[in-house]
């Protein structure tokens, strides 16, 4: 019986000690509501943290450029040894926003230039822009490096390919190719 009394006395002492320990922990921690900062002070400090964090993220995000495809089709308006000027007839979304209206000049540095159906008109032994006739179609492909949305910076165009096509060459190629609708299709043999 003495064991039961000793155990009950220890449990009673523990129950009395727990509320005292909890009160001390609360004073060491955040304390009562009177000691906590007001909500308006919390909101102001949180807004400052977000503003400073947003600037850092923007700097990191804006340091990279966004590279998009660039395609323009038109006719040759003029040329020099390093540049080609086109009268633009059509272009993709990025080309339209970059160029605007009117003729456009493209730098040929590093671009692959090809001529389809264009013959040596001046007899110098090479096919070049001086051999291009009025009405020849020109297609320019490249990459446009532009800043990301809500970032400042300039766009830079890199021309990769310039292709000049004489319309007569395409018509001849089309007449030589057989029509797909004219040939009858035979059914496949049955497998036994």
Protein backbone atom coordinates (compact mmCIF):
# COMPACT_ATOMS: atom_id res chain seq x y z
CA UNK A 1 0.00 0.00 0.00
CA UNK A 2 2.87 2.33 0.59
CA UNK A 3 3.85 1.90 -3.03
CA UNK A 4 0.42 3.11 -4.17
CA UNK A 5 0.61 6.16 -1.92
CA UNK A 6 4.10 7.04 -3.12
CA UNK A 7 3.05 6.72 -6.80
CA UNK A 8 -0.05 8.89 -6.27
CA UNK A 9 2.00 11.55 -4.47
CA UNK A 10 4.46 11.72 -7.38
CA UNK A 11 1.65 12.06 -9.92
CA UNK A 12 0.01 14.84 -7.95
CA UNK A 13 3.32 16.73 -7.78
CA UNK A 14 3.77 16.36 -11.56
CA UNK A 15 0.27 17.71 -12.23
CA UNK A 16 0.99 20.76 -10.12
CA UNK A 17 4.36 21.41 -11.82
CA UNK A 18 3.10 21.31 -15.44
CA UNK A 19 1.04 24.56 -15.41
CA UNK A 20 3.97 26.44 -13.87
CA UNK A 21 6.36 25.22 -16.60
CA UNK A 22 3.86 26.18 -19.33
CA UNK A 23 3.56 29.73 -17.97
CA UNK A 24 7.33 30.17 -18.00
CA UNK A 25 7.57 28.89 -21.60
CA UNK A 26 4.94 31.38 -22.75
CA UNK A 27 6.85 34.30 -21.25
CA UNK A 28 10.08 33.19 -22.92
CA UNK A 29 8.32 32.69 -26.30
CA UNK A 30 5.92 35.11 -27.98
CA UNK A 31 4.19 36.11 -24.80
CA UNK A 32 0.72 37.49 -24.47
CA UNK A 33 -1.18 39.40 -27.16
CA UNK A 34 -0.15 42.72 -25.63
CA UNK A 35 3.51 41.89 -26.27
CA UNK A 36 3.00 40.81 -29.94
CA UNK A 37 3.42 43.32 -32.82
CA UNK A 38 0.25 44.78 -34.33
CA UNK A 39 -1.10 43.34 -37.62
CA UNK A 40 -0.41 46.57 -39.50
CA UNK A 41 3.27 46.37 -38.48
CA UNK A 42 3.42 42.77 -39.72
CA UNK A 43 1.85 43.72 -43.07
CA UNK A 44 4.33 46.55 -43.56
CA UNK A 45 7.33 44.32 -42.86
CA UNK A 46 5.96 41.59 -45.15
CA UNK A 47 5.45 44.13 -47.96
CA UNK A 48 9.08 45.28 -47.59
CA UNK A 49 10.30 41.67 -47.78
CA UNK A 50 8.24 40.98 -50.90
CA UNK A 51 9.44 44.17 -52.62
CA UNK A 52 13.09 43.39 -52.02
CA UNK A 53 12.59 39.76 -53.07
CA UNK A 54 10.74 40.80 -56.28
CA UNK A 55 13.59 43.03 -57.41
CA UNK A 56 16.13 40.28 -56.98
CA UNK A 57 14.03 37.79 -58.93
CA UNK A 58 13.41 40.31 -61.70
CA UNK A 59 17.13 40.96 -62.14
CA UNK A 60 17.83 37.26 -62.45
CA UNK A 61 14.88 36.65 -64.80
CA UNK A 62 15.65 39.64 -67.00
CA UNK A 63 19.31 38.71 -67.44
CA UNK A 64 18.27 35.98 -69.89
CA UNK A 65 16.82 36.69 -73.34
CA UNK A 66 13.99 34.88 -75.09
CA UNK A 67 14.92 33.48 -78.53
CA UNK A 68 12.09 33.09 -81.06
CA UNK A 69 11.84 32.10 -84.72
CA UNK A 70 11.73 34.80 -87.39
CA UNK A 71 10.38 34.32 -90.95
CA UNK A 72 9.77 36.92 -93.65
CA UNK A 73 8.71 36.53 -97.28
CA UNK A 74 8.75 39.22 -99.92
CA UNK A 75 10.45 40.51 -103.05
CA UNK A 76 13.92 41.98 -103.46
CA UNK A 77 13.95 45.79 -103.30
CA UNK A 78 17.72 46.32 -103.24
CA UNK A 79 21.03 44.84 -102.14
CA UNK A 80 24.62 45.64 -101.23
CA UNK A 81 27.56 43.34 -100.55
CA UNK A 82 26.52 42.99 -96.88
CA UNK A 83 22.78 43.77 -96.82
CA UNK A 84 19.53 42.82 -98.55
CA UNK A 85 16.45 45.04 -98.62
CA UNK A 86 13.04 43.39 -99.04
CA UNK A 87 9.55 44.59 -99.74
CA UNK A 88 7.85 42.45 -97.09
CA UNK A 89 4.68 40.66 -98.16
CA UNK A 90 4.19 38.44 -95.12
CA UNK A 91 5.88 37.33 -91.94
CA UNK A 92 5.24 35.45 -88.75
CA UNK A 93 4.05 37.13 -85.54
CA UNK A 94 7.52 37.97 -84.27
CA UNK A 95 8.63 39.40 -87.62
CA UNK A 96 5.56 41.64 -87.92
CA UNK A 97 6.05 43.14 -84.47
CA UNK A 98 9.82 43.59 -84.99
CA UNK A 99 9.68 45.11 -88.50
CA UNK A 100 6.52 47.17 -88.64
CA UNK A 101 5.55 48.59 -92.07
CA UNK A 102 7.66 49.34 -95.13
CA UNK A 103 10.79 47.77 -96.60
CA UNK A 104 13.17 45.91 -94.30
CA UNK A 105 16.95 45.60 -94.50
CA UNK A 106 18.71 42.43 -93.30
CA UNK A 107 22.44 41.90 -92.70
CA UNK A 108 23.86 38.83 -94.45
CA UNK A 109 26.79 38.24 -92.06
CA UNK A 110 26.86 34.52 -91.23
CA UNK A 111 23.74 33.71 -93.27
CA UNK A 112 23.46 30.85 -95.74
CA UNK A 113 22.30 32.28 -99.09
CA UNK A 114 20.76 29.99 -101.72
CA UNK A 115 19.29 30.65 -105.17
CA UNK A 116 16.64 28.30 -106.61
CA UNK A 117 15.93 28.65 -110.33
CA UNK A 118 18.00 31.83 -110.65
CA UNK A 119 20.37 31.72 -113.63
CA UNK A 120 23.58 33.64 -114.27
CA UNK A 121 22.09 36.65 -116.09
CA UNK A 122 25.22 38.85 -116.22
CA UNK A 123 27.60 36.07 -117.39
CA UNK A 124 30.21 36.39 -114.61
CA UNK A 125 30.08 32.65 -113.85
CA UNK A 126 28.43 33.03 -110.41
CA UNK A 127 24.81 33.32 -109.37
CA UNK A 128 24.27 36.19 -106.95
CA UNK A 129 21.92 39.01 -106.04
CA UNK A 130 22.90 40.87 -109.22
CA UNK A 131 21.22 38.02 -111.17
CA UNK A 132 17.93 38.28 -109.29
CA UNK A 133 15.12 39.60 -111.50
CA UNK A 134 12.13 41.67 -110.52
CA UNK A 135 9.40 39.42 -109.14
CA UNK A 136 11.74 36.81 -107.65
CA UNK A 137 10.58 35.72 -104.20
CA UNK A 138 12.89 36.01 -101.21
CA UNK A 139 12.50 34.20 -97.88
CA UNK A 140 14.51 35.17 -94.80
CA UNK A 141 14.75 32.85 -91.76
CA UNK A 142 16.48 33.63 -88.50
CA UNK A 143 16.32 33.97 -84.74
CA UNK A 144 15.16 37.01 -82.83
CA UNK A 145 16.62 37.39 -79.33
CA UNK A 146 14.28 39.66 -77.42
CA UNK A 147 13.88 40.56 -73.75
CA UNK A 148 11.30 38.70 -71.71
CA UNK A 149 7.95 40.29 -70.86
CA UNK A 150 8.14 43.18 -68.37
CA UNK A 151 11.91 43.43 -68.90
CA UNK A 152 13.86 46.19 -70.61
CA UNK A 153 16.34 45.64 -73.42
CA UNK A 154 16.79 45.60 -77.17
CA UNK A 155 15.91 42.89 -79.65
CA UNK A 156 18.68 41.43 -81.80
CA UNK A 157 18.04 39.67 -85.12
CA UNK A 158 20.37 36.97 -86.42
CA UNK A 159 19.69 35.98 -90.04
CA UNK A 160 20.43 32.29 -90.65
CA UNK A 161 19.11 31.67 -94.17
CA UNK A 162 18.18 33.73 -97.22
CA UNK A 163 16.52 31.83 -100.06
CA UNK A 164 15.78 33.43 -103.45
CA UNK A 165 13.28 31.53 -105.62
CA UNK A 166 12.39 32.37 -109.21
CA UNK A 167 8.63 31.74 -109.66
CA UNK A 168 9.19 30.19 -113.13
CA UNK A 169 11.37 27.47 -111.56
CA UNK A 170 8.57 26.46 -109.19
CA UNK A 171 6.00 26.27 -111.99
CA UNK A 172 8.28 24.01 -114.08
CA UNK A 173 8.88 21.74 -111.10
CA UNK A 174 5.16 21.53 -110.42
CA UNK A 175 4.31 20.60 -114.03
CA UNK A 176 6.88 17.78 -114.04
CA UNK A 177 5.53 16.21 -110.85
CA UNK A 178 2.55 13.86 -111.37
CA UNK A 179 -0.78 14.79 -109.85
CA UNK A 180 -1.70 12.60 -106.89
CA UNK A 181 -5.45 12.68 -107.64
CA UNK A 182 -5.04 11.35 -111.24
CA UNK A 183 -3.49 7.99 -110.37
CA UNK A 184 -6.00 5.25 -109.46
CA UNK A 185 -5.43 3.42 -106.21
CA UNK A 186 -5.70 -0.36 -106.35
CA UNK A 187 -6.97 -2.26 -103.30
CA UNK A 188 -4.44 -4.30 -101.35
CA UNK A 189 -4.49 -8.08 -101.96
CA UNK A 190 -6.30 -10.13 -99.35
CA UNK A 191 -4.17 -12.19 -97.00
CA UNK A 192 -5.23 -15.84 -96.79
